[in-house]
Amino acid sequence: PIAAMENWVEKGIAPQTIRAENKELGFSRPLCPYPMVAKYT
């Protein structure tokens, strides 16, 4: 979230998603701004 905040404050790019992962279980997902949710295509 710090990189997302830096881009927002320093470059004016509001986060549309934040990439998240679970390294132990081996997957990634986009975190979406509420009330949006990630849905598999």
Full PDB file with SEQRES, HELIX, SHEET, SSBOND, CRYST1, ORIGX, SCALE, CONECT and MASTER records, all heavy atoms in Angstrom:
SEQRES   1 A   41  PRO ILE ALA ALA MET GLU ASN TRP VAL GLU LYS GLY ILE          
SEQRES   2 A   41  ALA PRO GLN THR ILE ARG ALA GLU ASN LYS GLU LEU GLY          
SEQRES   3 A   41  PHE SER ARG PRO LEU CYS PRO TYR PRO MET VAL ALA LYS          
SEQRES   4 A   41  TYR THR                                                      
HELIX    1 AA1 ILE A    2  LYS A   11  1                                  10    
SHEET    1 AA1 2 ILE A  18  ASN A  22  0                                        
SHEET    2 AA1 2 PHE A  27  LEU A  31 -1                                        
CRYST1    1.000    1.000    1.000  90.00  90.00  90.00 P 1           1          
ORIGX1      1.000000  0.000000  0.000000        0.00000                         
ORIGX2      0.000000  1.000000  0.000000        0.00000                         
ORIGX3      0.000000  0.000000  1.000000        0.00000                         
SCALE1      1.000000  0.000000  0.000000        0.00000                         
SCALE2      0.000000  1.000000  0.000000        0.00000                         
SCALE3      0.000000  0.000000  1.000000        0.00000                         
ATOM      1  N   PRO A   1       0.813  -1.214   0.000  1.00  0.00           N  
ATOM      2  CA  PRO A   1       0.000   0.000   0.000  1.00  0.00           C  
ATOM      3  C   PRO A   1       0.853   1.272   0.000  1.00  0.00           C  
ATOM      4  O   PRO A   1       0.394   2.321  -0.454  1.00  0.00           O  
ATOM      5  CB  PRO A   1      -0.827  -0.119   1.280  1.00  0.00           C  
ATOM      6  CG  PRO A   1      -0.031  -1.004   2.172  1.00  0.00           C  
ATOM      7  CD  PRO A   1       0.705  -1.946   1.264  1.00  0.00           C  
ATOM      8  N   ILE A   2       2.098   1.174   0.463  1.00  0.00           N  
ATOM      9  CA  ILE A   2       2.971   2.354   0.500  1.00  0.00           C  
ATOM     10  C   ILE A   2       3.308   2.803  -0.922  1.00  0.00           C  
ATOM     11  O   ILE A   2       3.267   3.993  -1.239  1.00  0.00           O  
ATOM     12  CB  ILE A   2       4.265   2.077   1.308  1.00  0.00           C  
ATOM     13  CG1 ILE A   2       3.917   1.668   2.745  1.00  0.00           C  
ATOM     14  CG2 ILE A   2       5.190   3.287   1.275  1.00  0.00           C  
ATOM     15  CD1 ILE A   2       3.157   2.695   3.550  1.00  0.00           C  
ATOM     16  N   ALA A   3       3.634   1.859  -1.806  1.00  0.00           N  
ATOM     17  CA  ALA A   3       3.920   2.215  -3.201  1.00  0.00           C  
ATOM     18  C   ALA A   3       2.686   2.839  -3.857  1.00  0.00           C  
ATOM     19  O   ALA A   3       2.797   3.818  -4.612  1.00  0.00           O  
ATOM     20  CB  ALA A   3       4.382   0.983  -3.979  1.00  0.00           C  
ATOM     21  N   ALA A   4       1.511   2.298  -3.558  1.00  0.00           N  
ATOM     22  CA  ALA A   4       0.267   2.857  -4.106  1.00  0.00           C  
ATOM     23  C   ALA A   4       0.084   4.295  -3.617  1.00  0.00           C  
ATOM     24  O   ALA A   4      -0.281   5.184  -4.392  1.00  0.00           O  
ATOM     25  CB  ALA A   4      -0.918   1.991  -3.707  1.00  0.00           C  
ATOM     26  N   MET A   5       0.350   4.528  -2.335  1.00  0.00           N  
ATOM     27  CA  MET A   5       0.212   5.868  -1.778  1.00  0.00           C  
ATOM     28  C   MET A   5       1.254   6.822  -2.371  1.00  0.00           C  
ATOM     29  O   MET A   5       0.942   7.970  -2.707  1.00  0.00           O  
ATOM     30  CB  MET A   5       0.323   5.819  -0.250  1.00  0.00           C  
ATOM     31  CG  MET A   5       0.136   7.160   0.417  1.00  0.00           C  
ATOM     32  SD  MET A   5      -1.462   7.939   0.083  1.00  0.00           S  
ATOM     33  CE  MET A   5      -2.396   7.359   1.468  1.00  0.00           C  
ATOM     34  N   GLU A   6       2.478   6.363  -2.525  1.00  0.00           N  
ATOM     35  CA  GLU A   6       3.522   7.207  -3.124  1.00  0.00           C  
ATOM     36  C   GLU A   6       3.135   7.632  -4.539  1.00  0.00           C  
ATOM     37  O   GLU A   6       3.291   8.800  -4.903  1.00  0.00           O  
ATOM     38  CB  GLU A   6       4.861   6.471  -3.143  1.00  0.00           C  
ATOM     39  CG  GLU A   6       5.528   6.400  -1.798  1.00  0.00           C  
ATOM     40  CD  GLU A   6       6.804   5.567  -1.805  1.00  0.00           C  
ATOM     41  OE1 GLU A   6       7.088   4.859  -2.803  1.00  0.00           O  
ATOM     42  OE2 GLU A   6       7.530   5.625  -0.806  1.00  0.00           O  
ATOM     43  N   ASN A   7       2.663   6.701  -5.351  1.00  0.00           N  
ATOM     44  CA  ASN A   7       2.247   7.038  -6.709  1.00  0.00           C  
ATOM     45  C   ASN A   7       1.098   8.044  -6.703  1.00  0.00           C  
ATOM     46  O   ASN A   7       1.034   8.941  -7.539  1.00  0.00           O  
ATOM     47  CB  ASN A   7       1.827   5.785  -7.487  1.00  0.00           C  
ATOM     48  CG  ASN A   7       3.015   5.009  -7.988  1.00  0.00           C  
ATOM     49  OD1 ASN A   7       4.069   5.559  -8.277  1.00  0.00           O  
ATOM     50  ND2 ASN A   7       2.854   3.708  -8.085  1.00  0.00           N  
ATOM     51  N   TRP A   8       0.217   7.898  -5.769  1.00  0.00           N  
ATOM     52  CA  TRP A   8      -0.940   8.781  -5.664  1.00  0.00           C  
ATOM     53  C   TRP A   8      -0.515  10.190  -5.265  1.00  0.00           C  
ATOM     54  O   TRP A   8      -0.890  11.176  -5.897  1.00  0.00           O  
ATOM     55  CB  TRP A   8      -1.899   8.193  -4.654  1.00  0.00           C  
ATOM     56  CG  TRP A   8      -3.294   8.711  -4.678  1.00  0.00           C  
ATOM     57  CD1 TRP A   8      -3.862   9.585  -5.579  1.00  0.00           C  
ATOM     58  CD2 TRP A   8      -4.330   8.370  -3.759  1.00  0.00           C  
ATOM     59  NE1 TRP A   8      -5.173   9.790  -5.272  1.00  0.00           N  
ATOM     60  CE2 TRP A   8      -5.492   9.057  -4.156  1.00  0.00           C  
ATOM     61  CE3 TRP A   8      -4.390   7.540  -2.654  1.00  0.00           C  
ATOM     62  CZ2 TRP A   8      -6.697   8.948  -3.478  1.00  0.00           C  
ATOM     63  CZ3 TRP A   8      -5.586   7.424  -1.981  1.00  0.00           C  
ATOM     64  CH2 TRP A   8      -6.726   8.124  -2.381  1.00  0.00           C  
ATOM     65  N   VAL A   9       0.291  10.284  -4.224  1.00  0.00           N  
ATOM     66  CA  VAL A   9       0.689  11.586  -3.699  1.00  0.00           C  
ATOM     67  C   VAL A   9       1.740  12.256  -4.589  1.00  0.00           C  
ATOM     68  O   VAL A   9       1.624  13.435  -4.912  1.00  0.00           O  
ATOM     69  CB  VAL A   9       1.217  11.447  -2.248  1.00  0.00           C  
ATOM     70  CG1 VAL A   9       1.843  12.743  -1.752  1.00  0.00           C  
ATOM     71  CG2 VAL A   9       0.095  11.005  -1.319  1.00  0.00           C  
ATOM     72  N   GLU A  10       2.738  11.512  -5.003  1.00  0.00           N  
ATOM     73  CA  GLU A  10       3.858  12.107  -5.732  1.00  0.00           C  
ATOM     74  C   GLU A  10       3.625  12.236  -7.234  1.00  0.00           C  
ATOM     75  O   GLU A  10       4.163  13.139  -7.867  1.00  0.00           O  
ATOM     76  CB  GLU A  10       5.134  11.305  -5.467  1.00  0.00           C  
ATOM     77  CG  GLU A  10       5.544  11.359  -4.002  1.00  0.00           C  
ATOM     78  CD  GLU A  10       6.713  10.451  -3.656  1.00  0.00           C  
ATOM     79  OE1 GLU A  10       7.326   9.873  -4.585  1.00  0.00           O  
ATOM     80  OE2 GLU A  10       7.011  10.336  -2.462  1.00  0.00           O  
ATOM     81  N   LYS A  11       2.836  11.336  -7.814  1.00  0.00           N  
ATOM     82  CA  LYS A  11       2.620  11.356  -9.265  1.00  0.00           C  
ATOM     83  C   LYS A  11       1.177  11.653  -9.656  1.00  0.00           C  
ATOM     84  O   LYS A  11       0.866  11.763 -10.840  1.00  0.00           O  
ATOM     85  CB  LYS A  11       3.042  10.014  -9.873  1.00  0.00           C  
ATOM     86  CG  LYS A  11       4.505   9.692  -9.659  1.00  0.00           C  
ATOM     87  CD  LYS A  11       4.843   8.316 -10.186  1.00  0.00           C  
ATOM     88  CE  LYS A  11       6.296   7.975  -9.861  1.00  0.00           C  
ATOM     89  NZ  LYS A  11       6.603   6.585 -10.168  1.00  0.00           N  
ATOM     90  N   GLY A  12       0.293  11.742  -8.672  1.00  0.00           N  
ATOM     91  CA  GLY A  12      -1.107  12.025  -8.954  1.00  0.00           C  
ATOM     92  C   GLY A  12      -1.873  10.855  -9.544  1.00  0.00           C  
ATOM     93  O   GLY A  12      -2.941  11.032 -10.122  1.00  0.00           O  
ATOM     94  N   ILE A  13      -1.346   9.631  -9.403  1.00  0.00           N  
ATOM     95  CA  ILE A  13      -1.998   8.440  -9.957  1.00  0.00           C  
ATOM     96  C   ILE A  13      -2.711   7.700  -8.832  1.00  0.00           C  
ATOM     97  O   ILE A  13      -2.088   6.994  -8.037  1.00  0.00           O  
ATOM     98  CB  ILE A  13      -0.955   7.516 -10.643  1.00  0.00           C  
ATOM     99  CG1 ILE A  13      -0.205   8.265 -11.729  1.00  0.00           C  
ATOM    100  CG2 ILE A  13      -1.648   6.278 -11.195  1.00  0.00           C  
ATOM    101  CD1 ILE A  13       1.010   7.523 -12.270  1.00  0.00           C  
ATOM    102  N   ALA A  14      -4.029   7.876  -8.775  1.00  0.00           N  
ATOM    103  CA  ALA A  14      -4.827   7.208  -7.741  1.00  0.00           C  
ATOM    104  C   ALA A  14      -4.849   5.706  -8.014  1.00  0.00           C  
ATOM    105  O   ALA A  14      -4.968   5.290  -9.168  1.00  0.00           O  
ATOM    106  CB  ALA A  14      -6.244   7.759  -7.722  1.00  0.00           C  
ATOM    107  N   PRO A  15      -4.722   4.890  -6.978  1.00  0.00           N  
ATOM    108  CA  PRO A  15      -4.720   3.441  -7.196  1.00  0.00           C  
ATOM    109  C   PRO A  15      -6.065   2.926  -7.695  1.00  0.00           C  
ATOM    110  O   PRO A  15      -7.096   3.163  -7.070  1.00  0.00           O  
ATOM    111  CB  PRO A  15      -4.376   2.870  -5.820  1.00  0.00           C  
ATOM    112  CG  PRO A  15      -4.731   3.939  -4.850  1.00  0.00           C  
ATOM    113  CD  PRO A  15      -4.603   5.245  -5.565  1.00  0.00           C  
ATOM    114  N   GLN A  16      -6.050   2.274  -8.850  1.00  0.00           N  
ATOM    115  CA  GLN A  16      -7.246   1.644  -9.398  1.00  0.00           C  
ATOM    116  C   GLN A  16      -7.326   0.189  -8.954  1.00  0.00           C  
ATOM    117  O   GLN A  16      -8.403  -0.370  -8.850  1.00  0.00           O  
ATOM    118  CB  GLN A  16      -7.247   1.741 -10.924  1.00  0.00           C  
ATOM    119  CG  GLN A  16      -7.203   3.169 -11.426  1.00  0.00           C  
ATOM    120  CD  GLN A  16      -8.327   4.024 -10.860  1.00  0.00           C  
ATOM    121  OE1 GLN A  16      -9.485   3.609 -10.867  1.00  0.00           O  
ATOM    122  NE2 GLN A  16      -7.986   5.192 -10.340  1.00  0.00           N  
ATOM    123  N   THR A  17      -6.169  -0.410  -8.744  1.00  0.00           N  
ATOM    124  CA  THR A  17      -6.044  -1.751  -8.161  1.00  0.00           C  
ATOM    125  C   THR A  17      -4.711  -1.788  -7.431  1.00  0.00           C  
ATOM    126  O   THR A  17      -3.825  -0.968  -7.684  1.00  0.00           O  
ATOM    127  CB  THR A  17      -6.055  -2.894  -9.216  1.00  0.00           C  
ATOM    128  OG1 THR A  17      -4.932  -2.729 -10.077  1.00  0.00           O  
ATOM    129  CG2 THR A  17      -7.343  -2.908 -10.015  1.00  0.00           C  
ATOM    130  N   ILE A  18      -4.573  -2.746  -6.549  1.00  0.00           N  
ATOM    131  CA  ILE A  18      -3.286  -3.042  -5.920  1.00  0.00           C  
ATOM    132  C   ILE A  18      -3.080  -4.539  -6.083  1.00  0.00           C  
ATOM    133  O   ILE A  18      -3.943  -5.338  -5.700  1.00  0.00           O  
ATOM    134  CB  ILE A  18      -3.270  -2.661  -4.417  1.00  0.00           C  
ATOM    135  CG1 ILE A  18      -3.487  -1.151  -4.234  1.00  0.00           C  
ATOM    136  CG2 ILE A  18      -1.954  -3.097  -3.776  1.00  0.00           C  
ATOM    137  CD1 ILE A  18      -3.599  -0.712  -2.776  1.00  0.00           C  
ATOM    138  N   ARG A  19      -1.957  -4.910  -6.656  1.00  0.00           N  
ATOM    139  CA  ARG A  19      -1.675  -6.335  -6.848  1.00  0.00           C  
ATOM    140  C   ARG A  19      -1.293  -6.945  -5.505  1.00  0.00           C  
ATOM    141  O   ARG A  19      -0.458  -6.420  -4.781  1.00  0.00           O  
ATOM    142  CB  ARG A  19      -0.539  -6.535  -7.849  1.00  0.00           C  
ATOM    143  CG  ARG A  19      -0.325  -7.982  -8.201  1.00  0.00           C  
ATOM    144  CD  ARG A  19       0.797  -8.121  -9.254  1.00  0.00           C  
ATOM    145  NE  ARG A  19       0.911  -9.472  -9.726  1.00  0.00           N  
ATOM    146  CZ  ARG A  19       1.480 -10.472  -9.053  1.00  0.00           C  
ATOM    147  NH1 ARG A  19       1.978 -10.256  -7.860  1.00  0.00           N  
ATOM    148  NH2 ARG A  19       1.549 -11.679  -9.564  1.00  0.00           N  
ATOM    149  N   ALA A  20      -1.935  -8.058  -5.179  1.00  0.00           N  
ATOM    150  CA  ALA A  20      -1.675  -8.758  -3.921  1.00  0.00           C  
ATOM    151  C   ALA A  20      -1.413 -10.221  -4.231  1.00  0.00           C  
ATOM    152  O   ALA A  20      -1.873 -10.746  -5.246  1.00  0.00           O  
ATOM    153  CB  ALA A  20      -2.867  -8.620  -2.983  1.00  0.00           C  
ATOM    154  N   GLU A  21      -0.683 -10.858  -3.348  1.00  0.00           N  
ATOM    155  CA  GLU A  21      -0.418 -12.280  -3.561  1.00  0.00           C  
ATOM    156  C   GLU A  21      -0.366 -13.030  -2.245  1.00  0.00           C  
ATOM    157  O   GLU A  21      -0.249 -12.442  -1.183  1.00  0.00           O  
ATOM    158  CB  GLU A  21       0.864 -12.486  -4.362  1.00  0.00           C  
ATOM    159  CG  GLU A  21       2.107 -11.893  -3.754  1.00  0.00           C  
ATOM    160  CD  GLU A  21       3.305 -11.961  -4.700  1.00  0.00           C  
ATOM    161  OE1 GLU A  21       3.360 -12.843  -5.575  1.00  0.00           O  
ATOM    162  OE2 GLU A  21       4.192 -11.124  -4.555  1.00  0.00           O  
ATOM    163  N   ASN A  22      -0.486 -14.322  -2.384  1.00  0.00           N  
ATOM    164  CA  ASN A  22      -0.277 -15.230  -1.265  1.00  0.00           C  
ATOM    165  C   ASN A  22       0.814 -16.176  -1.734  1.00  0.00           C  
ATOM    166  O   ASN A  22       0.553 -17.107  -2.499  1.00  0.00           O  
ATOM    167  CB  ASN A  22      -1.566 -15.989  -0.909  1.00  0.00           C  
ATOM    168  CG  ASN A  22      -1.410 -16.830   0.333  1.00  0.00           C  
ATOM    169  OD1 ASN A  22      -0.397 -17.506   0.512  1.00  0.00           O  
ATOM    170  ND2 ASN A  22      -2.418 -16.810   1.190  1.00  0.00           N  
ATOM    171  N   LYS A  23       2.037 -15.877  -1.325  1.00  0.00           N  
ATOM    172  CA  LYS A  23       3.185 -16.657  -1.796  1.00  0.00           C  
ATOM    173  C   LYS A  23       3.132 -18.096  -1.313  1.00  0.00           C  
ATOM    174  O   LYS A  23       3.532 -19.004  -2.036  1.00  0.00           O  
ATOM    175  CB  LYS A  23       4.485 -15.980  -1.355  1.00  0.00           C  
ATOM    176  CG  LYS A  23       4.697 -14.663  -2.060  1.00  0.00           C  
ATOM    177  CD  LYS A  23       5.952 -13.964  -1.593  1.00  0.00           C  
ATOM    178  CE  LYS A  23       6.064 -12.621  -2.293  1.00  0.00           C  
ATOM    179  NZ  LYS A  23       7.194 -11.855  -1.814  1.00  0.00           N  
ATOM    180  N   GLU A  24       2.627 -18.317  -0.112  1.00  0.00           N  
ATOM    181  CA  GLU A  24       2.550 -19.682   0.425  1.00  0.00           C  
ATOM    182  C   GLU A  24       1.600 -20.556  -0.391  1.00  0.00           C  
ATOM    183  O   GLU A  24       1.862 -21.730  -0.613  1.00  0.00           O  
ATOM    184  CB  GLU A  24       2.101 -19.660   1.883  1.00  0.00           C  
ATOM    185  CG  GLU A  24       3.131 -19.061   2.818  1.00  0.00           C  
ATOM    186  CD  GLU A  24       2.608 -18.918   4.234  1.00  0.00           C  
ATOM    187  OE1 GLU A  24       1.510 -19.429   4.546  1.00  0.00           O  
ATOM    188  OE2 GLU A  24       3.314 -18.288   5.041  1.00  0.00           O  
ATOM    189  N   LEU A  25       0.490 -19.982  -0.833  1.00  0.00           N  
ATOM    190  CA  LEU A  25      -0.494 -20.744  -1.603  1.00  0.00           C  
ATOM    191  C   LEU A  25      -0.325 -20.569  -3.114  1.00  0.00           C  
ATOM    192  O   LEU A  25      -1.022 -21.211  -3.892  1.00  0.00           O  
ATOM    193  CB  LEU A  25      -1.913 -20.358  -1.173  1.00  0.00           C  
ATOM    194  CG  LEU A  25      -2.245 -20.662   0.294  1.00  0.00           C  
ATOM    195  CD1 LEU A  25      -3.655 -20.185   0.637  1.00  0.00           C  
ATOM    196  CD2 LEU A  25      -2.095 -22.149   0.608  1.00  0.00           C  
ATOM    197  N   GLY A  26       0.571 -19.672  -3.520  1.00  0.00           N  
ATOM    198  CA  GLY A  26       0.928 -19.533  -4.929  1.00  0.00           C  
ATOM    199  C   GLY A  26      -0.117 -18.898  -5.824  1.00  0.00           C  
ATOM    200  O   GLY A  26      -0.372 -19.391  -6.924  1.00  0.00           O  
ATOM    201  N   PHE A  27      -0.721 -17.797  -5.392  1.00  0.00           N  
ATOM    202  CA  PHE A  27      -1.652 -17.098  -6.276  1.00  0.00           C  
ATOM    203  C   PHE A  27      -1.586 -15.592  -6.039  1.00  0.00           C  
ATOM    204  O   PHE A  27      -1.066 -15.129  -5.033  1.00  0.00           O  
ATOM    205  CB  PHE A  27      -3.089 -17.610  -6.095  1.00  0.00           C  
ATOM    206  CG  PHE A  27      -3.737 -17.230  -4.796  1.00  0.00           C  
ATOM    207  CD1 PHE A  27      -4.440 -16.045  -4.677  1.00  0.00           C  
ATOM    208  CD2 PHE A  27      -3.661 -18.066  -3.695  1.00  0.00           C  
ATOM    209  CE1 PHE A  27      -5.046 -15.692  -3.480  1.00  0.00           C  
ATOM    210  CE2 PHE A  27      -4.265 -17.733  -2.500  1.00  0.00           C  
ATOM    211  CZ  PHE A  27      -4.962 -16.538  -2.390  1.00  0.00           C  
ATOM    212  N   SER A  28      -2.112 -14.851  -7.001  1.00  0.00           N  
ATOM    213  CA  SER A  28      -2.205 -13.398  -6.887  1.00  0.00           C  
ATOM    214  C   SER A  28      -3.609 -12.949  -7.273  1.00  0.00           C  
ATOM    215  O   SER A  28      -4.335 -13.673  -7.966  1.00  0.00           O  
ATOM    216  CB  SER A  28      -1.158 -12.716  -7.775  1.00  0.00           C  
ATOM    217  OG  SER A  28      -1.376 -13.029  -9.134  1.00  0.00           O  
ATOM    218  N   ARG A  29      -3.968 -11.782  -6.796  1.00  0.00           N  
ATOM    219  CA  ARG A  29      -5.271 -11.197  -7.078  1.00  0.00           C  
ATOM    220  C   ARG A  29      -5.115  -9.683  -7.129  1.00  0.00           C  
ATOM    221  O   ARG A  29      -4.287  -9.121  -6.414  1.00  0.00           O  
ATOM    222  CB  ARG A  29      -6.297 -11.495  -5.977  1.00  0.00           C  
ATOM    223  CG  ARG A  29      -6.714 -12.911  -5.821  1.00  0.00           C  
ATOM    224  CD  ARG A  29      -7.649 -13.360  -6.944  1.00  0.00           C  
ATOM    225  NE  ARG A  29      -8.127 -14.709  -6.720  1.00  0.00           N  
ATOM    226  CZ  ARG A  29      -7.469 -15.809  -7.062  1.00  0.00           C  
ATOM    227  NH1 ARG A  29      -6.290 -15.723  -7.640  1.00  0.00           N  
ATOM    228  NH2 ARG A  29      -7.978 -16.995  -6.842  1.00  0.00           N  
ATOM    229  N   PRO A  30      -5.974  -9.023  -7.898  1.00  0.00           N  
ATOM    230  CA  PRO A  30      -6.014  -7.567  -7.771  1.00  0.00           C  
ATOM    231  C   PRO A  30      -6.911  -7.199  -6.592  1.00  0.00           C  
ATOM    232  O   PRO A  30      -7.961  -7.813  -6.393  1.00  0.00           O  
ATOM    233  CB  PRO A  30      -6.655  -7.122  -9.090  1.00  0.00           C  
ATOM    234  CG  PRO A  30      -7.526  -8.267  -9.489  1.00  0.00           C  
ATOM    235  CD  PRO A  30      -6.833  -9.510  -8.974  1.00  0.00           C  
ATOM    236  N   LEU A  31      -6.488  -6.254  -5.796  1.00  0.00           N  
ATOM    237  CA  LEU A  31      -7.364  -5.669  -4.798  1.00  0.00           C  
ATOM    238  C   LEU A  31      -8.047  -4.505  -5.496  1.00  0.00           C  
ATOM    239  O   LEU A  31      -7.396  -3.706  -6.166  1.00  0.00           O  
ATOM    240  CB  LEU A  31      -6.581  -5.185  -3.580  1.00  0.00           C  
ATOM    241  CG  LEU A  31      -5.770  -6.243  -2.835  1.00  0.00           C  
ATOM    242  CD1 LEU A  31      -5.050  -5.606  -1.653  1.00  0.00           C  
ATOM    243  CD2 LEU A  31      -6.651  -7.397  -2.394  1.00  0.00           C  
ATOM    244  N   CYS A  32      -9.345  -4.416  -5.374  1.00  0.00           N  
ATOM    245  CA  CYS A  32     -10.136  -3.415  -6.080  1.00  0.00           C  
ATOM    246  C   CYS A  32     -10.658  -2.376  -5.096  1.00  0.00           C  
ATOM    247  O   CYS A  32     -10.967  -2.705  -3.955  1.00  0.00           O  
ATOM    248  CB  CYS A  32     -11.319  -4.080  -6.778  1.00  0.00           C  
ATOM    249  SG  CYS A  32     -10.844  -5.423  -7.896  1.00  0.00           S  
ATOM    250  N   PRO A  33     -10.793  -1.126  -5.542  1.00  0.00           N  
ATOM    251  CA  PRO A  33     -11.366  -0.119  -4.647  1.00  0.00           C  
ATOM    252  C   PRO A  33     -12.808  -0.474  -4.303  1.00  0.00           C  
ATOM    253  O   PRO A  33     -13.591  -0.823  -5.185  1.00  0.00           O  
ATOM    254  CB  PRO A  33     -11.309   1.175  -5.441  1.00  0.00           C  
ATOM    255  CG  PRO A  33     -10.509   0.905  -6.649  1.00  0.00           C  
ATOM    256  CD  PRO A  33     -10.445  -0.572  -6.841  1.00  0.00           C  
ATOM    257  N   TYR A  34     -13.130  -0.407  -3.018  1.00  0.00           N  
ATOM    258  CA  TYR A  34     -14.479  -0.677  -2.557  1.00  0.00           C  
ATOM    259  C   TYR A  34     -15.440   0.301  -3.227  1.00  0.00           C  
ATOM    260  O   TYR A  34     -15.106   1.483  -3.366  1.00  0.00           O  
ATOM    261  CB  TYR A  34     -14.536  -0.523  -1.027  1.00  0.00           C  
ATOM    262  CG  TYR A  34     -15.887  -0.815  -0.452  1.00  0.00           C  
ATOM    263  CD1 TYR A  34     -16.269  -2.110  -0.191  1.00  0.00           C  
ATOM    264  CD2 TYR A  34     -16.789   0.213  -0.197  1.00  0.00           C  
ATOM    265  CE1 TYR A  34     -17.519  -2.394   0.334  1.00  0.00           C  
ATOM    266  CE2 TYR A  34     -18.037  -0.059   0.322  1.00  0.00           C  
ATOM    267  CZ  TYR A  34     -18.393  -1.358   0.579  1.00  0.00           C  
ATOM    268  OH  TYR A  34     -19.629  -1.641   1.089  1.00  0.00           O  
ATOM    269  N   PRO A  35     -16.590  -0.145  -3.708  1.00  0.00           N  
ATOM    270  CA  PRO A  35     -17.242  -1.426  -3.510  1.00  0.00           C  
ATOM    271  C   PRO A  35     -16.961  -2.450  -4.611  1.00  0.00           C  
ATOM    272  O   PRO A  35     -17.704  -3.421  -4.744  1.00  0.00           O  
ATOM    273  CB  PRO A  35     -18.726  -1.039  -3.480  1.00  0.00           C  
ATOM    274  CG  PRO A  35     -18.814   0.084  -4.456  1.00  0.00           C  
ATOM    275  CD  PRO A  35     -17.516   0.837  -4.292  1.00  0.00           C  
ATOM    276  N   MET A  36     -15.917  -2.248  -5.381  1.00  0.00           N  
ATOM    277  CA  MET A  36     -15.568  -3.208  -6.425  1.00  0.00           C  
ATOM    278  C   MET A  36     -14.911  -4.436  -5.796  1.00  0.00           C  
ATOM    279  O   MET A  36     -14.323  -4.357  -4.719  1.00  0.00           O  
ATOM    280  CB  MET A  36     -14.607  -2.577  -7.425  1.00  0.00           C  
ATOM    281  CG  MET A  36     -15.094  -1.261  -8.011  1.00  0.00           C  
ATOM    282  SD  MET A  36     -16.391  -1.478  -9.199  1.00  0.00           S  
ATOM    283  CE  MET A  36     -15.447  -1.737 -10.654  1.00  0.00           C  
ATOM    284  N   VAL A  37     -15.021  -5.572  -6.501  1.00  0.00           N  
ATOM    285  CA  VAL A  37     -14.385  -6.818  -6.081  1.00  0.00           C  
ATOM    286  C   VAL A  37     -13.747  -7.477  -7.301  1.00  0.00           C  
ATOM    287  O   VAL A  37     -14.153  -7.224  -8.436  1.00  0.00           O  
ATOM    288  CB  VAL A  37     -15.386  -7.799  -5.420  1.00  0.00           C  
ATOM    289  CG1 VAL A  37     -15.920  -7.236  -4.114  1.00  0.00           C  
ATOM    290  CG2 VAL A  37     -16.518  -8.152  -6.358  1.00  0.00           C  
ATOM    291  N   ALA A  38     -12.748  -8.305  -7.067  1.00  0.00           N  
ATOM    292  CA  ALA A  38     -12.090  -9.027  -8.154  1.00  0.00           C  
ATOM    293  C   ALA A  38     -12.945 -10.209  -8.580  1.00  0.00           C  
ATOM    294  O   ALA A  38     -13.439 -10.969  -7.745  1.00  0.00           O  
ATOM    295  CB  ALA A  38     -10.714  -9.504  -7.701  1.00  0.00           C  
ATOM    296  N   LYS A  39     -13.112 -10.350  -9.883  1.00  0.00           N  
ATOM    297  CA  LYS A  39     -13.877 -11.469 -10.421  1.00  0.00           C  
ATOM    298  C   LYS A  39     -13.058 -12.118 -11.538  1.00  0.00           C  
ATOM    299  O   LYS A  39     -12.536 -11.431 -12.423  1.00  0.00           O  
ATOM    300  CB  LYS A  39     -15.219 -10.985 -10.977  1.00  0.00           C  
ATOM    301  CG  LYS A  39     -16.072 -12.110 -11.531  1.00  0.00           C  
ATOM    302  CD  LYS A  39     -17.398 -11.594 -12.041  1.00  0.00           C  
ATOM    303  CE  LYS A  39     -18.217 -12.752 -12.594  1.00  0.00           C  
ATOM    304  NZ  LYS A  39     -19.455 -12.284 -13.221  1.00  0.00           N  
ATOM    305  N   TYR A  40     -12.979 -13.440 -11.486  1.00  0.00           N  
ATOM    306  CA  TYR A  40     -12.252 -14.202 -12.491  1.00  0.00           C  
ATOM    307  C   TYR A  40     -12.928 -14.012 -13.845  1.00  0.00           C  
ATOM    308  O   TYR A  40     -14.150 -14.112 -13.970  1.00  0.00           O  
ATOM    309  CB  TYR A  40     -12.217 -15.676 -12.088  1.00  0.00           C  
ATOM    310  CG  TYR A  40     -11.526 -16.594 -13.055  1.00  0.00           C  
ATOM    311  CD1 TYR A  40     -10.217 -16.364 -13.457  1.00  0.00           C  
ATOM    312  CD2 TYR A  40     -12.185 -17.706 -13.561  1.00  0.00           C  
ATOM    313  CE1 TYR A  40      -9.578 -17.219 -14.340  1.00  0.00           C  
ATOM    314  CE2 TYR A  40     -11.560 -18.571 -14.446  1.00  0.00           C  
ATOM    315  CZ  TYR A  40     -10.250 -18.316 -14.835  1.00  0.00           C  
ATOM    316  OH  TYR A  40      -9.630 -19.167 -15.719  1.00  0.00           O  
ATOM    317  N   THR A  41     -12.125 -13.764 -14.884  1.00  0.00           N  
ATOM    318  CA  THR A  41     -12.672 -13.536 -16.227  1.00  0.00           C  
ATOM    319  C   THR A  41     -13.131 -14.817 -16.899  1.00  0.00           C  
ATOM    320  O   THR A  41     -13.834 -14.777 -17.894  1.00  0.00           O  
ATOM    321  CB  THR A  41     -11.624 -12.877 -17.138  1.00  0.00           C  
ATOM    322  OG1 THR A  41     -10.508 -13.761 -17.278  1.00  0.00           O  
ATOM    323  CG2 THR A  41     -11.181 -11.519 -16.598  1.00  0.00           C  
TER     324      THR A  41                                                      
MASTER        0    0    0    1    2    0    0    6  323    1    0    4          
END                                                                             
